[in-house]
Every structure is written in structure tokens, then in C-alpha cells.
C-alpha atoms as a PDB file:
ATOM      1  CA  MET A   1      -0.030  -0.006   0.020  1.00  0.00           C
ATOM      2  CA  ILE A   2       1.336   3.437  -0.954  1.00  0.00           C
ATOM      3  CA  THR A   3       0.731   5.999   1.742  1.00  0.00           C
ATOM      4  CA  VAL A   4       0.256   9.545   0.680  1.00  0.00           C
ATOM      5  CA  LEU A   5       0.026  12.994   2.444  1.00  0.00           C
ATOM      6  CA  ILE A   6      -1.655  15.825   0.591  1.00  0.00           C
ATOM      7  CA  ALA A   7      -0.357  19.349   1.252  1.00  0.00           C
ATOM      8  CA  ASP A   8      -2.387  22.268  -0.273  1.00  0.00           C
ATOM      9  CA  ASP A   9      -3.910  25.350   1.209  1.00  0.00           C
ATOM     10  CA  HIS A  10      -7.183  25.004  -0.658  1.00  0.00           C
ATOM     11  CA  ARG A  11      -9.732  22.723   1.112  1.00  0.00           C
ATOM     12  CA  LEU A  12     -11.545  21.901  -2.095  1.00  0.00           C
ATOM     13  CA  VAL A  13      -8.334  20.753  -3.791  1.00  0.00           C
ATOM     14  CA  ARG A  14      -7.312  18.678  -0.814  1.00  0.00           C
ATOM     15  CA  SER A  15     -10.660  17.056  -0.711  1.00  0.00           C
ATOM     16  CA  GLY A  16     -10.783  16.367  -4.450  1.00  0.00           C
ATOM     17  CA  LEU A  17      -7.328  14.734  -4.297  1.00  0.00           C
ATOM     18  CA  ALA A  18      -8.191  12.657  -1.257  1.00  0.00           C
ATOM     19  CA  THR A  19     -11.406  11.360  -3.011  1.00  0.00           C
ATOM     20  CA  LEU A  20      -9.543  10.514  -6.105  1.00  0.00           C
ATOM     21  CA  LEU A  21      -6.674   8.770  -4.399  1.00  0.00           C
ATOM     22  CA  THR A  22      -8.618   6.793  -1.872  1.00  0.00           C
ATOM     23  CA  ALA A  23     -10.572   5.272  -4.723  1.00  0.00           C
ATOM     24  CA  VAL A  24      -7.279   3.629  -5.922  1.00  0.00           C
ATOM     25  CA  ASP A  25      -6.695   0.120  -4.464  1.00  0.00           C
ATOM     26  CA  ASP A  26      -3.045   0.457  -3.782  1.00  0.00           C
ATOM     27  CA  ILE A  27      -3.035   3.999  -2.358  1.00  0.00           C
ATOM     28  CA  GLU A  28      -3.942   5.208   1.146  1.00  0.00           C
ATOM     29  CA  VAL A  29      -4.286   8.906   2.062  1.00  0.00           C
ATOM     30  CA  VAL A  30      -2.838   9.237   5.604  1.00  0.00           C
ATOM     31  CA  GLY A  31      -3.201  12.997   6.145  1.00  0.00           C
ATOM     32  CA  GLU A  32      -4.037  16.312   4.702  1.00  0.00           C
ATOM     33  CA  ALA A  33      -2.107  19.585   5.432  1.00  0.00           C
ATOM     34  CA  ALA A  34      -3.217  23.206   4.855  1.00  0.00           C
ATOM     35  CA  ASP A  35       0.200  24.739   4.925  1.00  0.00           C
ATOM     36  CA  GLY A  36       3.919  23.837   4.715  1.00  0.00           C
ATOM     37  CA  GLN A  37       4.657  23.602   8.478  1.00  0.00           C
ATOM     38  CA  GLN A  38       1.651  21.315   9.053  1.00  0.00           C
ATOM     39  CA  ALA A  39       2.761  19.231   6.115  1.00  0.00           C
ATOM     40  CA  VAL A  40       6.107  18.745   7.787  1.00  0.00           C
ATOM     41  CA  GLU A  41       4.635  17.876  11.125  1.00  0.00           C
ATOM     42  CA  LEU A  42       2.120  15.435   9.651  1.00  0.00           C
ATOM     43  CA  ALA A  43       4.779  13.763   7.590  1.00  0.00           C
ATOM     44  CA  VAL A  44       7.013  13.231  10.529  1.00  0.00           C
ATOM     45  CA  SER A  45       4.141  11.647  12.510  1.00  0.00           C
ATOM     46  CA  THR A  46       2.699   9.622   9.572  1.00  0.00           C
ATOM     47  CA  GLN A  47       5.853   8.876   7.494  1.00  0.00           C
ATOM     48  CA  PRO A  48       4.127   8.680   4.225  1.00  0.00           C
ATOM     49  CA  ALA A  49       5.723   7.166   1.042  1.00  0.00           C
ATOM     50  CA  VAL A  50       4.720  10.173  -0.921  1.00  0.00           C
ATOM     51  CA  VAL A  51       3.826  13.738  -0.209  1.00  0.00           C
ATOM     52  CA  LEU A  52       1.913  15.742  -2.835  1.00  0.00           C
ATOM     53  CA  MET A  53       3.143  19.164  -2.265  1.00  0.00           C
ATOM     54  CA  ASP A  54       1.658  22.516  -3.450  1.00  0.00           C
ATOM     55  CA  LEU A  55       4.242  25.364  -3.672  1.00  0.00           C
ATOM     56  CA  SER A  56       2.220  28.352  -2.765  1.00  0.00           C
ATOM     57  CA  MET A  57       1.164  27.847   0.892  1.00  0.00           C
ATOM     58  CA  PRO A  58       1.095  30.035   4.041  1.00  0.00           C
ATOM     59  CA  VAL A  59       3.367  29.690   7.119  1.00  0.00           C
ATOM     60  CA  LEU A  60       5.891  27.666   5.180  1.00  0.00           C
ATOM     61  CA  ASP A  61       5.865  27.526   1.429  1.00  0.00           C
ATOM     62  CA  GLY A  62       6.134  24.301  -0.544  1.00  0.00           C
ATOM     63  CA  VAL A  63       9.910  24.657  -1.369  1.00  0.00           C
ATOM     64  CA  MET A  64      10.937  25.153   2.353  1.00  0.00           C
ATOM     65  CA  ALA A  65       8.691  22.383   3.392  1.00  0.00           C
ATOM     66  CA  THR A  66      10.185  20.134   0.704  1.00  0.00           C
ATOM     67  CA  SER A  67      13.712  21.002   1.943  1.00  0.00           C
ATOM     68  CA  SER A  68      12.738  20.225   5.488  1.00  0.00           C
ATOM     69  CA  LEU A  69      11.341  16.868   4.591  1.00  0.00           C
ATOM     70  CA  ALA A  70      14.294  15.926   2.419  1.00  0.00           C
ATOM     71  CA  ALA A  71      16.548  16.413   5.469  1.00  0.00           C
ATOM     72  CA  ARG A  72      14.217  14.825   8.130  1.00  0.00           C
ATOM     73  CA  LEU A  73      12.520  12.115   6.071  1.00  0.00           C
ATOM     74  CA  PRO A  74      14.789  11.134   3.127  1.00  0.00           C
ATOM     75  CA  GLN A  75      12.699   8.021   2.450  1.00  0.00           C
ATOM     76  CA  THR A  76       9.561  10.025   1.847  1.00  0.00           C
ATOM     77  CA  LYS A  77       9.319  11.134  -1.772  1.00  0.00           C
ATOM     78  CA  VAL A  78       7.944  14.676  -2.423  1.00  0.00           C
ATOM     79  CA  VAL A  79       5.996  15.266  -5.712  1.00  0.00           C
ATOM     80  CA  VAL A  80       5.261  18.884  -6.360  1.00  0.00           C
ATOM     81  CA  LEU A  81       1.632  19.455  -7.633  1.00  0.00           C
ATOM     82  CA  THR A  82       1.219  23.106  -8.585  1.00  0.00           C
ATOM     83  CA  SER A  83      -0.046  25.534 -11.239  1.00  0.00           C
ATOM     84  CA  PHE A  84       3.415  27.017 -11.839  1.00  0.00           C
ATOM     85  CA  SER A  85       5.698  25.714 -14.588  1.00  0.00           C
ATOM     86  CA  ASP A  86       8.412  28.484 -14.757  1.00  0.00           C
ATOM     87  CA  ARG A  87      12.107  27.578 -14.658  1.00  0.00           C
ATOM     88  CA  GLN A  88      12.835  29.185 -11.237  1.00  0.00           C
ATOM     89  CA  ARG A  89      10.031  27.459  -9.370  1.00  0.00           C
ATOM     90  CA  VAL A  90      10.696  24.052 -11.021  1.00  0.00           C
ATOM     91  CA  GLY A  91      14.459  24.311 -10.309  1.00  0.00           C
ATOM     92  CA  ASN A  92      13.917  25.549  -6.705  1.00  0.00           C
ATOM     93  CA  ALA A  93      11.562  22.653  -5.926  1.00  0.00           C
ATOM     94  CA  LEU A  94      13.882  20.050  -7.449  1.00  0.00           C
ATOM     95  CA  ARG A  95      16.927  21.497  -5.720  1.00  0.00           C
ATOM     96  CA  ALA A  96      15.066  21.403  -2.410  1.00  0.00           C
ATOM     97  CA  GLY A  97      14.593  17.699  -2.834  1.00  0.00           C
ATOM     98  CA  ALA A  98      11.413  17.095  -4.704  1.00  0.00           C
ATOM     99  CA  VAL A  99      11.601  13.938  -6.831  1.00  0.00           C
ATOM    100  CA  GLY A 100       8.688  14.899  -9.179  1.00  0.00           C
ATOM    101  CA  TYR A 101       6.824  17.866 -10.582  1.00  0.00           C
ATOM    102  CA  LEU A 102       3.206  17.893 -11.906  1.00  0.00           C
ATOM    103  CA  LEU A 103       0.811  20.549 -13.003  1.00  0.00           C
ATOM    104  CA  LYS A 104      -2.610  20.678 -11.363  1.00  0.00           C
ATOM    105  CA  ASP A 105      -4.322  20.299 -14.671  1.00  0.00           C
ATOM    106  CA  CYS A 106      -2.824  16.842 -15.186  1.00  0.00           C
ATOM    107  CA  THR A 107      -5.313  13.995 -15.573  1.00  0.00           C
ATOM    108  CA  PRO A 108      -6.290  11.650 -12.713  1.00  0.00           C
ATOM    109  CA  GLU A 109      -4.425   8.786 -14.441  1.00  0.00           C
ATOM    110  CA  GLU A 110      -1.291  10.882 -14.658  1.00  0.00           C
ATOM    111  CA  LEU A 111      -1.500  11.808 -10.995  1.00  0.00           C
ATOM    112  CA  VAL A 112      -1.961   8.214  -9.876  1.00  0.00           C
ATOM    113  CA  ALA A 113       0.803   7.081 -12.185  1.00  0.00           C
ATOM    114  CA  ALA A 114       3.159   9.827 -10.735  1.00  0.00           C
ATOM    115  CA  VAL A 115       2.447   8.672  -7.130  1.00  0.00           C
ATOM    116  CA  ARG A 116       3.191   5.127  -8.036  1.00  0.00           C
ATOM    117  CA  ALA A 117       6.330   6.071  -9.986  1.00  0.00           C
ATOM    118  CA  ALA A 118       7.650   8.215  -7.052  1.00  0.00           C
ATOM    119  CA  ALA A 119       7.027   5.484  -4.481  1.00  0.00           C
ATOM    120  CA  ALA A 120       8.970   3.090  -6.785  1.00  0.00           C
ATOM    121  CA  GLY A 121      11.914   5.372  -6.861  1.00  0.00           C
ATOM    122  CA  HIS A 122      11.411   6.937 -10.309  1.00  0.00           C
ATOM    123  CA  VAL A 123      11.221  10.693 -11.237  1.00  0.00           C
ATOM    124  CA  PRO A 124       7.742  11.749 -12.502  1.00  0.00           C
ATOM    125  CA  ILE A 125       8.193  15.037 -14.326  1.00  0.00           C
ATOM    126  CA  ASP A 126       5.255  16.575 -16.314  1.00  0.00           C
ATOM    127  CA  PRO A 127       6.448  16.775 -19.978  1.00  0.00           C
ATOM    128  CA  ARG A 128       5.306  20.332 -20.146  1.00  0.00           C
ATOM    129  CA  VAL A 129       7.790  21.493 -17.495  1.00  0.00           C
ATOM    130  CA  ALA A 130      10.704  19.365 -18.675  1.00  0.00           C
ATOM    131  CA  GLY A 131      12.019  22.240 -20.810  1.00  0.00           C
ATOM    132  CA  ALA A 132      12.531  24.265 -17.693  1.00  0.00           C
ATOM    133  CA  LEU A 133      15.104  21.691 -16.552  1.00  0.00           C
ATOM    134  CA  LEU A 134      17.189  22.053 -19.724  1.00  0.00           C
ATOM    135  CA  PRO A 135      20.228  24.375 -19.622  1.00  0.00           C
ATOM    136  CA  ASP A 136      20.071  27.878 -21.031  1.00  0.00           C
ATOM    137  CA  ARG A 137      21.179  27.951 -24.604  1.00  0.00           C
ATOM    138  CA  ALA A 138      24.270  29.966 -23.582  1.00  0.00           C
ATOM    139  CA  GLU A 139      25.181  27.150 -21.110  1.00  0.00           C
ATOM    140  CA  ARG A 140      26.996  24.211 -22.534  1.00  0.00           C
ATOM    141  CA  PRO A 141      24.999  20.982 -21.819  1.00  0.00           C
ATOM    142  CA  GLU A 142      28.016  19.313 -20.141  1.00  0.00           C
ATOM    143  CA  ASP A 143      28.339  22.165 -17.635  1.00  0.00           C
ATOM    144  CA  VAL A 144      24.909  21.186 -16.137  1.00  0.00           C
ATOM    145  CA  LEU A 145      26.559  18.185 -14.379  1.00  0.00           C
ATOM    146  CA  SER A 146      29.222  17.945 -11.872  1.00  0.00           C
ATOM    147  CA  ASP A 147      32.401  16.010 -12.591  1.00  0.00           C
ATOM    148  CA  ARG A 148      31.133  13.016 -10.552  1.00  0.00           C
ATOM    149  CA  GLU A 149      27.711  13.105 -12.159  1.00  0.00           C
ATOM    150  CA  ARG A 150      29.423  13.055 -15.635  1.00  0.00           C
ATOM    151  CA  GLU A 151      31.487  10.002 -14.564  1.00  0.00           C
ATOM    152  CA  VAL A 152      28.414   8.212 -13.433  1.00  0.00           C
ATOM    153  CA  LEU A 153      26.441   9.078 -16.497  1.00  0.00           C
ATOM    154  CA  LEU A 154      29.160   7.993 -18.907  1.00  0.00           C
ATOM    155  CA  LEU A 155      29.361   4.630 -17.164  1.00  0.00           C
ATOM    156  CA  VAL A 156      25.674   4.231 -17.286  1.00  0.00           C
ATOM    157  CA  ALA A 157      25.672   5.055 -20.992  1.00  0.00           C
ATOM    158  CA  GLU A 158      28.243   2.184 -21.335  1.00  0.00           C
ATOM    159  CA  GLY A 159      25.562  -0.160 -20.038  1.00  0.00           C
ATOM    160  CA  LEU A 160      26.942  -0.716 -16.518  1.00  0.00           C
ATOM    161  CA  ALA A 161      24.514  -1.463 -13.654  1.00  0.00           C
ATOM    162  CA  ASN A 162      24.383   0.812 -10.582  1.00  0.00           C
ATOM    163  CA  LYS A 163      26.557  -1.721  -8.568  1.00  0.00           C
ATOM    164  CA  GLN A 164      29.166  -1.888 -11.290  1.00  0.00           C
ATOM    165  CA  VAL A 165      29.305   1.882 -11.606  1.00  0.00           C
ATOM    166  CA  GLY A 166      29.800   2.101  -7.782  1.00  0.00           C
ATOM    167  CA  ARG A 167      32.682  -0.486  -7.952  1.00  0.00           C
ATOM    168  CA  ARG A 168      34.338   1.305 -10.834  1.00  0.00           C
ATOM    169  CA  LEU A 169      34.184   4.649  -8.963  1.00  0.00           C
ATOM    170  CA  GLY A 170      34.735   3.533  -5.508  1.00  0.00           C
ATOM    171  CA  ILE A 171      31.296   4.608  -4.180  1.00  0.00           C
ATOM    172  CA  SER A 172      28.348   2.762  -2.852  1.00  0.00           C
ATOM    173  CA  GLU A 173      25.345   1.628  -4.933  1.00  0.00           C
ATOM    174  CA  SER A 174      23.105   3.936  -2.976  1.00  0.00           C
ATOM    175  CA  THR A 175      25.262   6.965  -3.841  1.00  0.00           C
ATOM    176  CA  VAL A 176      25.163   6.018  -7.392  1.00  0.00           C
ATOM    177  CA  LYS A 177      21.368   6.060  -7.207  1.00  0.00           C
ATOM    178  CA  VAL A 178      21.405   9.530  -5.590  1.00  0.00           C
ATOM    179  CA  HIS A 179      23.661  10.742  -8.443  1.00  0.00           C
ATOM    180  CA  LEU A 180      21.324   9.292 -11.010  1.00  0.00           C
ATOM    181  CA  GLY A 181      18.288  11.031  -9.444  1.00  0.00           C
ATOM    182  CA  ASN A 182      20.231  14.374  -9.599  1.00  0.00           C
ATOM    183  CA  ILE A 183      21.313  13.647 -13.179  1.00  0.00           C
ATOM    184  CA  TYR A 184      17.749  12.888 -14.327  1.00  0.00           C
ATOM    185  CA  ARG A 185      16.470  16.189 -12.847  1.00  0.00           C
ATOM    186  CA  ARG A 186      19.327  18.217 -14.266  1.00  0.00           C
ATOM    187  CA  ILE A 187      19.065  17.006 -17.835  1.00  0.00           C
ATOM    188  CA  GLY A 188      15.134  16.642 -17.863  1.00  0.00           C
ATOM    189  CA  VAL A 189      14.753  12.940 -18.304  1.00  0.00           C
ATOM    190  CA  THR A 190      12.903  10.346 -16.198  1.00  0.00           C
ATOM    191  CA  ASP A 191      14.570   7.137 -16.975  1.00  0.00           C
ATOM    192  CA  ARG A 192      18.029   5.323 -17.510  1.00  0.00           C
ATOM    193  CA  THR A 193      17.694   4.871 -21.299  1.00  0.00           C
ATOM    194  CA  SER A 194      16.989   8.599 -21.875  1.00  0.00           C
ATOM    195  CA  ALA A 195      19.840   9.522 -19.772  1.00  0.00           C
ATOM    196  CA  ALA A 196      22.223   7.302 -21.696  1.00  0.00           C
ATOM    197  CA  LEU A 197      21.042   8.741 -25.024  1.00  0.00           C
ATOM    198  CA  TRP A 198      21.544  12.234 -23.639  1.00  0.00           C
ATOM    199  CA  ALA A 199      25.014  11.309 -22.649  1.00  0.00           C
ATOM    200  CA  ARG A 200      25.847  10.059 -26.153  1.00  0.00           C
ATOM    201  CA  ASP A 201      24.594  13.211 -27.615  1.00  0.00           C
ATOM    202  CA  HIS A 202      26.122  15.770 -25.261  1.00  0.00           C
ATOM    203  CA  LEU A 203      29.240  14.204 -23.589  1.00  0.00           C
END
């Protein structure tokens, strides 16, 4: 069962999301928060698998709440659900620790799929905001990644598994997974194959 916490300052939105998600067999809504601070407190007490996080909320905004959750509950996956798709907000949310980013006009099926994807360790990004994750045209694509991230991505592009990448670089498999999650966000892809193709074109 995938446990979900909903954080949004609009009661109607929270209610609608709760109704939608509780109708899904493998999802359980364990709490609803009206602001970012309440979201953090409820998440600490309920430890959900996924938090659906609005960005514009009182007391503590979604970015700050996401950052707090990333530090206190690293196992909980935050998926932003918002109306904003500009580069700055997308970047701020993902840098704060969100693993996914959806727009509120997504379909119910897309929302459910994103919750499942986040819980499974994937990176659900709405295709309409993926462009905000790409580098500015004046910026070289390879400059988006750190030296270590480039090393990891090049080995992935060679077809090595995470454990093999870790052995080659002298780091743990879990560290490789963290680097891959960061790489996906930085280059605007959601899976290993797309990342490998990106590497072949840009590195």
C-alpha cells in the first residue's frame, strides 16, 4: 500500500485529491495539510511514502517544506503538484529535494501514475515542464553536471549497472542512485535509457 500525504492550502483541492486517491486500491491517504509547516509535522508523524506538495502555501511554502522533509525524512518522496511551470520554481523545488513535478491540470490517471512512480523510486516530471530543466542555450550541456555526475552518467551510458558503476568509481550503490536522481533532474529525463541517450549526444 502506498501511503500519501496531501499538502495544499485550498480545502476543495485537498478534498478532491483525497477522494481521487482513496478510490485507488493500492493508495492510502494518511493525512491532509493546509500549510507547509503542518505538512512537515504530519509527515514526521505519519511517515508517508509520498507527499503531494503545493508550492504556494502559508506559514511555510512548498519549497521550504520540501527541503525540511528531504532532511528529516529522506525516504519520503515529495512530488510537487502546482499551477506554476516557470524555470525558477521548477528548479527551486527540485533542488530542495522534490523527486517529481506535476501541474494541477494533469489527468487523474497521470496523477496516480506519478504517485506510483515516485513510490517506486522513479522521477515523475510533467512533460510540459521538462523544458525548464534544460540548460540555457548559452550554457554548455555538459556544464549542467558535476564531474562526478558526468562520470556516473558515462558509465551508465556504457551499460553498467548501478553496482558496477559504484565499484568502478569506489562509491556505494546507494550513492550512485542519488547521483542518477540528480542527473535525471538536471538534464530533464525520467529514465536510464533517456539519460544514456542524452550522454551520447552531449558528452
